[in-house]
PDB file of all heavy atoms in Angstrom:
ATOM      1  N   ILE A   1     187.514 193.280  69.754  1.00  0.00           N
ATOM      2  CA  ILE A   1     186.170 193.571  69.212  1.00  0.00           C
ATOM      3  C   ILE A   1     185.075 193.027  70.204  1.00  0.00           C
ATOM      4  O   ILE A   1     184.111 193.678  70.473  1.00  0.00           O
ATOM      5  CB  ILE A   1     185.976 192.790  67.898  1.00  0.00           C
ATOM      6  CG1 ILE A   1     186.826 193.464  66.766  1.00  0.00           C
ATOM      7  CG2 ILE A   1     184.534 192.675  67.405  1.00  0.00           C
ATOM      8  CD1 ILE A   1     186.991 192.597  65.477  1.00  0.00           C
ATOM      9  N   ALA A   2     185.402 191.880  70.898  1.00  0.00           N
ATOM     10  CA  ALA A   2     184.442 191.310  71.879  1.00  0.00           C
ATOM     11  C   ALA A   2     184.348 192.312  73.041  1.00  0.00           C
ATOM     12  O   ALA A   2     183.178 192.529  73.570  1.00  0.00           O
ATOM     13  CB  ALA A   2     184.937 189.990  72.353  1.00  0.00           C
ATOM     14  N   PHE A   3     185.425 192.899  73.450  1.00  0.00           N
ATOM     15  CA  PHE A   3     185.436 193.837  74.592  1.00  0.00           C
ATOM     16  C   PHE A   3     184.542 194.997  74.243  1.00  0.00           C
ATOM     17  O   PHE A   3     183.627 195.401  74.973  1.00  0.00           O
ATOM     18  CB  PHE A   3     186.793 194.310  74.964  1.00  0.00           C
ATOM     19  CG  PHE A   3     186.881 195.399  75.973  1.00  0.00           C
ATOM     20  CD1 PHE A   3     186.860 195.056  77.356  1.00  0.00           C
ATOM     21  CD2 PHE A   3     187.002 196.703  75.597  1.00  0.00           C
ATOM     22  CE1 PHE A   3     186.923 196.038  78.235  1.00  0.00           C
ATOM     23  CE2 PHE A   3     187.096 197.685  76.557  1.00  0.00           C
ATOM     24  CZ  PHE A   3     186.996 197.395  77.951  1.00  0.00           C
ATOM     25  N   LEU A   4     184.776 195.654  73.121  1.00  0.00           N
ATOM     26  CA  LEU A   4     184.039 196.882  72.751  1.00  0.00           C
ATOM     27  C   LEU A   4     182.562 196.560  72.468  1.00  0.00           C
ATOM     28  O   LEU A   4     181.712 197.341  72.872  1.00  0.00           O
ATOM     29  CB  LEU A   4     184.690 197.483  71.467  1.00  0.00           C
ATOM     30  CG  LEU A   4     186.041 198.108  71.756  1.00  0.00           C
ATOM     31  CD1 LEU A   4     186.763 198.452  70.408  1.00  0.00           C
ATOM     32  CD2 LEU A   4     185.878 199.393  72.636  1.00  0.00           C
ATOM     33  N   GLN A   5     182.229 195.467  71.875  1.00  0.00           N
ATOM     34  CA  GLN A   5     180.841 195.073  71.672  1.00  0.00           C
ATOM     35  C   GLN A   5     180.123 194.641  72.936  1.00  0.00           C
ATOM     36  O   GLN A   5     178.913 194.870  73.015  1.00  0.00           O
ATOM     37  CB  GLN A   5     180.681 194.006  70.581  1.00  0.00           C
ATOM     38  CG  GLN A   5     181.010 194.667  69.120  1.00  0.00           C
ATOM     39  CD  GLN A   5     180.727 193.773  67.972  1.00  0.00           C
ATOM     40  OE1 GLN A   5     181.030 192.560  68.093  1.00  0.00           O
ATOM     41  NE2 GLN A   5     180.213 194.313  66.939  1.00  0.00           N
ATOM     42  N   ALA A   6     180.865 194.105  73.923  1.00  0.00           N
ATOM     43  CA  ALA A   6     180.173 193.830  75.257  1.00  0.00           C
ATOM     44  C   ALA A   6     179.871 195.173  75.886  1.00  0.00           C
ATOM     45  O   ALA A   6     178.753 195.212  76.556  1.00  0.00           O
ATOM     46  CB  ALA A   6     181.156 193.011  76.065  1.00  0.00           C
ATOM     47  N   ALA A   7     180.669 196.122  75.768  1.00  0.00           N
ATOM     48  CA  ALA A   7     180.444 197.389  76.418  1.00  0.00           C
ATOM     49  C   ALA A   7     179.422 198.231  75.613  1.00  0.00           C
ATOM     50  O   ALA A   7     178.566 198.881  76.229  1.00  0.00           O
ATOM     51  CB  ALA A   7     181.763 198.213  76.531  1.00  0.00           C
ATOM     52  N   MET A   8     179.463 198.176  74.329  1.00  0.00           N
ATOM     53  CA  MET A   8     178.620 199.071  73.485  1.00  0.00           C
ATOM     54  C   MET A   8     178.069 198.178  72.324  1.00  0.00           C
ATOM     55  O   MET A   8     178.645 198.117  71.217  1.00  0.00           O
ATOM     56  CB  MET A   8     179.403 200.225  72.948  1.00  0.00           C
ATOM     57  CG  MET A   8     179.924 201.129  74.086  1.00  0.00           C
ATOM     58  SD  MET A   8     181.146 202.259  73.638  1.00  0.00           S
ATOM     59  CE  MET A   8     182.516 201.120  73.307  1.00  0.00           C
ATOM     60  N   PRO A   9     176.968 197.484  72.558  1.00  0.00           N
ATOM     61  CA  PRO A   9     176.340 196.573  71.583  1.00  0.00           C
ATOM     62  C   PRO A   9     176.025 197.296  70.285  1.00  0.00           C
ATOM     63  O   PRO A   9     175.919 196.667  69.236  1.00  0.00           O
ATOM     64  CB  PRO A   9     175.193 195.946  72.243  1.00  0.00           C
ATOM     65  CG  PRO A   9     175.470 196.086  73.777  1.00  0.00           C
ATOM     66  CD  PRO A   9     176.254 197.348  73.868  1.00  0.00           C
ATOM     67  N   ASP A  10     175.875 198.614  70.348  1.00  0.00           N
ATOM     68  CA  ASP A  10     175.524 199.346  69.182  1.00  0.00           C
ATOM     69  C   ASP A  10     176.710 199.580  68.247  1.00  0.00           C
ATOM     70  O   ASP A  10     176.542 200.007  67.097  1.00  0.00           O
ATOM     71  CB  ASP A  10     174.857 200.688  69.498  1.00  0.00           C
ATOM     72  CG  ASP A  10     175.736 201.577  70.286  1.00  0.00           C
ATOM     73  OD1 ASP A  10     176.446 201.121  71.269  1.00  0.00           O
ATOM     74  OD2 ASP A  10     175.799 202.802  70.074  1.00  0.00           O
ATOM     75  N   PHE A  11     177.926 199.326  68.722  1.00  0.00           N
ATOM     76  CA  PHE A  11     179.081 199.377  67.875  1.00  0.00           C
ATOM     77  C   PHE A  11     179.089 198.293  66.846  1.00  0.00           C
ATOM     78  O   PHE A  11     178.897 197.154  67.216  1.00  0.00           O
ATOM     79  CB  PHE A  11     180.390 199.304  68.662  1.00  0.00           C
ATOM     80  CG  PHE A  11     180.875 200.686  69.126  1.00  0.00           C
ATOM     81  CD1 PHE A  11     180.001 201.703  69.410  1.00  0.00           C
ATOM     82  CD2 PHE A  11     182.204 200.839  69.314  1.00  0.00           C
ATOM     83  CE1 PHE A  11     180.498 202.947  69.785  1.00  0.00           C
ATOM     84  CE2 PHE A  11     182.723 202.091  69.781  1.00  0.00           C
ATOM     85  CZ  PHE A  11     181.905 203.128  70.051  1.00  0.00           C
ATOM     86  N   SER A  12     179.254 198.624  65.558  1.00  0.00           N
ATOM     87  CA  SER A  12     179.344 197.551  64.575  1.00  0.00           C
ATOM     88  C   SER A  12     180.724 197.755  63.788  1.00  0.00           C
ATOM     89  O   SER A  12     181.344 198.711  63.899  1.00  0.00           O
ATOM     90  CB  SER A  12     178.178 197.657  63.638  1.00  0.00           C
ATOM     91  OG  SER A  12     178.170 198.930  62.938  1.00  0.00           O
ATOM     92  N   ILE A  13     181.044 196.633  63.104  1.00  0.00           N
ATOM     93  CA  ILE A  13     182.236 196.759  62.261  1.00  0.00           C
ATOM     94  C   ILE A  13     182.014 197.504  60.998  1.00  0.00           C
ATOM     95  O   ILE A  13     181.106 197.111  60.177  1.00  0.00           O
ATOM     96  CB  ILE A  13     182.742 195.342  62.023  1.00  0.00           C
ATOM     97  CG1 ILE A  13     183.185 194.622  63.299  1.00  0.00           C
ATOM     98  CG2 ILE A  13     183.894 195.324  61.017  1.00  0.00           C
ATOM     99  CD1 ILE A  13     183.525 193.172  63.228  1.00  0.00           C
ATOM    100  N   ARG A  14     182.695 198.593  60.832  1.00  0.00           N
ATOM    101  CA  ARG A  14     182.538 199.436  59.661  1.00  0.00           C
ATOM    102  C   ARG A  14     183.326 198.984  58.466  1.00  0.00           C
ATOM    103  O   ARG A  14     182.951 199.177  57.279  1.00  0.00           O
ATOM    104  CB  ARG A  14     182.901 200.909  59.976  1.00  0.00           C
ATOM    105  CG  ARG A  14     182.083 201.627  61.017  1.00  0.00           C
ATOM    106  CD  ARG A  14     182.683 202.927  61.511  1.00  0.00           C
ATOM    107  NE  ARG A  14     183.324 203.690  60.460  1.00  0.00           N
ATOM    108  CZ  ARG A  14     183.224 205.040  60.327  1.00  0.00           C
ATOM    109  NH1 ARG A  14     182.505 205.690  61.133  1.00  0.00           N
ATOM    110  NH2 ARG A  14     183.952 205.654  59.364  1.00  0.00           N
ATOM    111  N   GLY A  15     184.454 198.313  58.757  1.00  0.00           N
ATOM    112  CA  GLY A  15     185.362 197.855  57.715  1.00  0.00           C
ATOM    113  C   GLY A  15     186.370 197.029  58.430  1.00  0.00           C
ATOM    114  O   GLY A  15     186.682 197.146  59.598  1.00  0.00           O
ATOM    115  N   GLU A  16     186.913 196.060  57.702  1.00  0.00           N
ATOM    116  CA  GLU A  16     188.033 195.186  58.189  1.00  0.00           C
ATOM    117  C   GLU A  16     188.818 194.640  57.036  1.00  0.00           C
ATOM    118  O   GLU A  16     188.315 194.515  55.935  1.00  0.00           O
ATOM    119  CB  GLU A  16     187.456 194.078  59.135  1.00  0.00           C
ATOM    120  CG  GLU A  16     186.482 193.158  58.397  1.00  0.00           C
ATOM    121  CD  GLU A  16     185.817 192.179  59.403  1.00  0.00           C
ATOM    122  OE1 GLU A  16     186.481 191.821  60.403  1.00  0.00           O
ATOM    123  OE2 GLU A  16     184.665 191.796  59.175  1.00  0.00           O
ATOM    124  N   GLY A  17     189.984 194.143  57.332  1.00  0.00           N
ATOM    125  CA  GLY A  17     190.820 193.548  56.345  1.00  0.00           C
ATOM    126  C   GLY A  17     192.163 193.115  57.015  1.00  0.00           C
ATOM    127  O   GLY A  17     192.377 193.122  58.208  1.00  0.00           O
ATOM    128  N   SER A  18     193.053 192.771  56.067  1.00  0.00           N
ATOM    129  CA  SER A  18     194.366 192.361  56.605  1.00  0.00           C
ATOM    130  C   SER A  18     195.374 192.447  55.431  1.00  0.00           C
ATOM    131  O   SER A  18     194.946 192.532  54.268  1.00  0.00           O
ATOM    132  CB  SER A  18     194.347 190.897  57.095  1.00  0.00           C
ATOM    133  OG  SER A  18     194.026 190.004  56.058  1.00  0.00           O
ATOM    134  N   ASN A  19     196.631 192.537  55.764  1.00  0.00           N
ATOM    135  CA  ASN A  19     197.685 192.479  54.804  1.00  0.00           C
ATOM    136  C   ASN A  19     198.735 191.563  55.316  1.00  0.00           C
ATOM    137  O   ASN A  19     198.555 190.853  56.376  1.00  0.00           O
ATOM    138  CB  ASN A  19     198.189 193.861  54.444  1.00  0.00           C
ATOM    139  CG  ASN A  19     198.751 194.585  55.687  1.00  0.00           C
ATOM    140  OD1 ASN A  19     199.256 193.986  56.595  1.00  0.00           O
ATOM    141  ND2 ASN A  19     198.645 195.935  55.701  1.00  0.00           N
ATOM    142  N   GLU A  20     199.900 191.526  54.760  1.00  0.00           N
ATOM    143  CA  GLU A  20     200.970 190.609  55.231  1.00  0.00           C
ATOM    144  C   GLU A  20     201.490 190.904  56.559  1.00  0.00           C
ATOM    145  O   GLU A  20     202.054 190.071  57.254  1.00  0.00           O
ATOM    146  CB  GLU A  20     202.138 190.516  54.171  1.00  0.00           C
ATOM    147  CG  GLU A  20     202.822 191.849  53.874  1.00  0.00           C
ATOM    148  CD  GLU A  20     202.090 192.700  52.867  1.00  0.00           C
ATOM    149  OE1 GLU A  20     201.196 192.272  52.170  1.00  0.00           O
ATOM    150  OE2 GLU A  20     202.346 193.935  52.842  1.00  0.00           O
ATOM    151  N   GLU A  21     201.191 192.094  57.125  1.00  0.00           N
ATOM    152  CA  GLU A  21     201.758 192.530  58.336  1.00  0.00           C
ATOM    153  C   GLU A  21     200.692 192.458  59.524  1.00  0.00           C
ATOM    154  O   GLU A  21     201.108 192.111  60.626  1.00  0.00           O
ATOM    155  CB  GLU A  21     202.269 193.948  58.318  1.00  0.00           C
ATOM    156  CG  GLU A  21     203.550 194.069  57.444  1.00  0.00           C
ATOM    157  CD  GLU A  21     204.064 195.499  57.411  1.00  0.00           C
ATOM    158  OE1 GLU A  21     203.546 196.351  58.210  1.00  0.00           O
ATOM    159  OE2 GLU A  21     204.921 195.789  56.618  1.00  0.00           O
ATOM    160  N   ARG A  22     199.486 192.733  59.247  1.00  0.00           N
ATOM    161  CA  ARG A  22     198.468 192.811  60.330  1.00  0.00           C
ATOM    162  C   ARG A  22     197.033 192.722  59.784  1.00  0.00           C
ATOM    163  O   ARG A  22     196.759 193.093  58.661  1.00  0.00           O
ATOM    164  CB  ARG A  22     198.641 194.094  61.046  1.00  0.00           C
ATOM    165  CG  ARG A  22     198.422 195.387  60.318  1.00  0.00           C
ATOM    166  CD  ARG A  22     198.609 196.647  61.126  1.00  0.00           C
ATOM    167  NE  ARG A  22     199.924 196.779  61.729  1.00  0.00           N
ATOM    168  CZ  ARG A  22     200.915 197.448  61.142  1.00  0.00           C
ATOM    169  NH1 ARG A  22     200.814 198.163  60.051  1.00  0.00           N
ATOM    170  NH2 ARG A  22     202.074 197.431  61.774  1.00  0.00           N
ATOM    171  N   ALA A  23     196.168 192.397  60.711  1.00  0.00           N
ATOM    172  CA  ALA A  23     194.765 192.472  60.464  1.00  0.00           C
ATOM    173  C   ALA A  23     194.265 193.778  61.083  1.00  0.00           C
ATOM    174  O   ALA A  23     194.886 194.313  62.072  1.00  0.00           O
ATOM    175  CB  ALA A  23     194.027 191.278  61.112  1.00  0.00           C
ATOM    176  N   TRP A  24     193.139 194.359  60.624  1.00  0.00           N
ATOM    177  CA  TRP A  24     192.641 195.629  61.154  1.00  0.00           C
ATOM    178  C   TRP A  24     191.129 195.571  61.093  1.00  0.00           C
ATOM    179  O   TRP A  24     190.510 194.789  60.424  1.00  0.00           O
ATOM    180  CB  TRP A  24     193.203 196.797  60.353  1.00  0.00           C
ATOM    181  CG  TRP A  24     192.747 196.812  58.903  1.00  0.00           C
ATOM    182  CD1 TRP A  24     193.422 196.178  57.904  1.00  0.00           C
ATOM    183  CD2 TRP A  24     191.615 197.388  58.432  1.00  0.00           C
ATOM    184  NE1 TRP A  24     192.674 196.385  56.730  1.00  0.00           N
ATOM    185  CE2 TRP A  24     191.567 197.114  57.019  1.00  0.00           C
ATOM    186  CE3 TRP A  24     190.532 198.140  58.906  1.00  0.00           C
ATOM    187  CZ2 TRP A  24     190.547 197.538  56.112  1.00  0.00           C
ATOM    188  CZ3 TRP A  24     189.493 198.573  58.099  1.00  0.00           C
ATOM    189  CH2 TRP A  24     189.564 198.311  56.775  1.00  0.00           C
TER     190      TRP A  24
END
């Protein structure tokens, strides 16, 4: 996330979450 937002500050998190296997 830090990499993408450093390159493109206009990118925002549209959605996020996690389950027992992974965060997304």
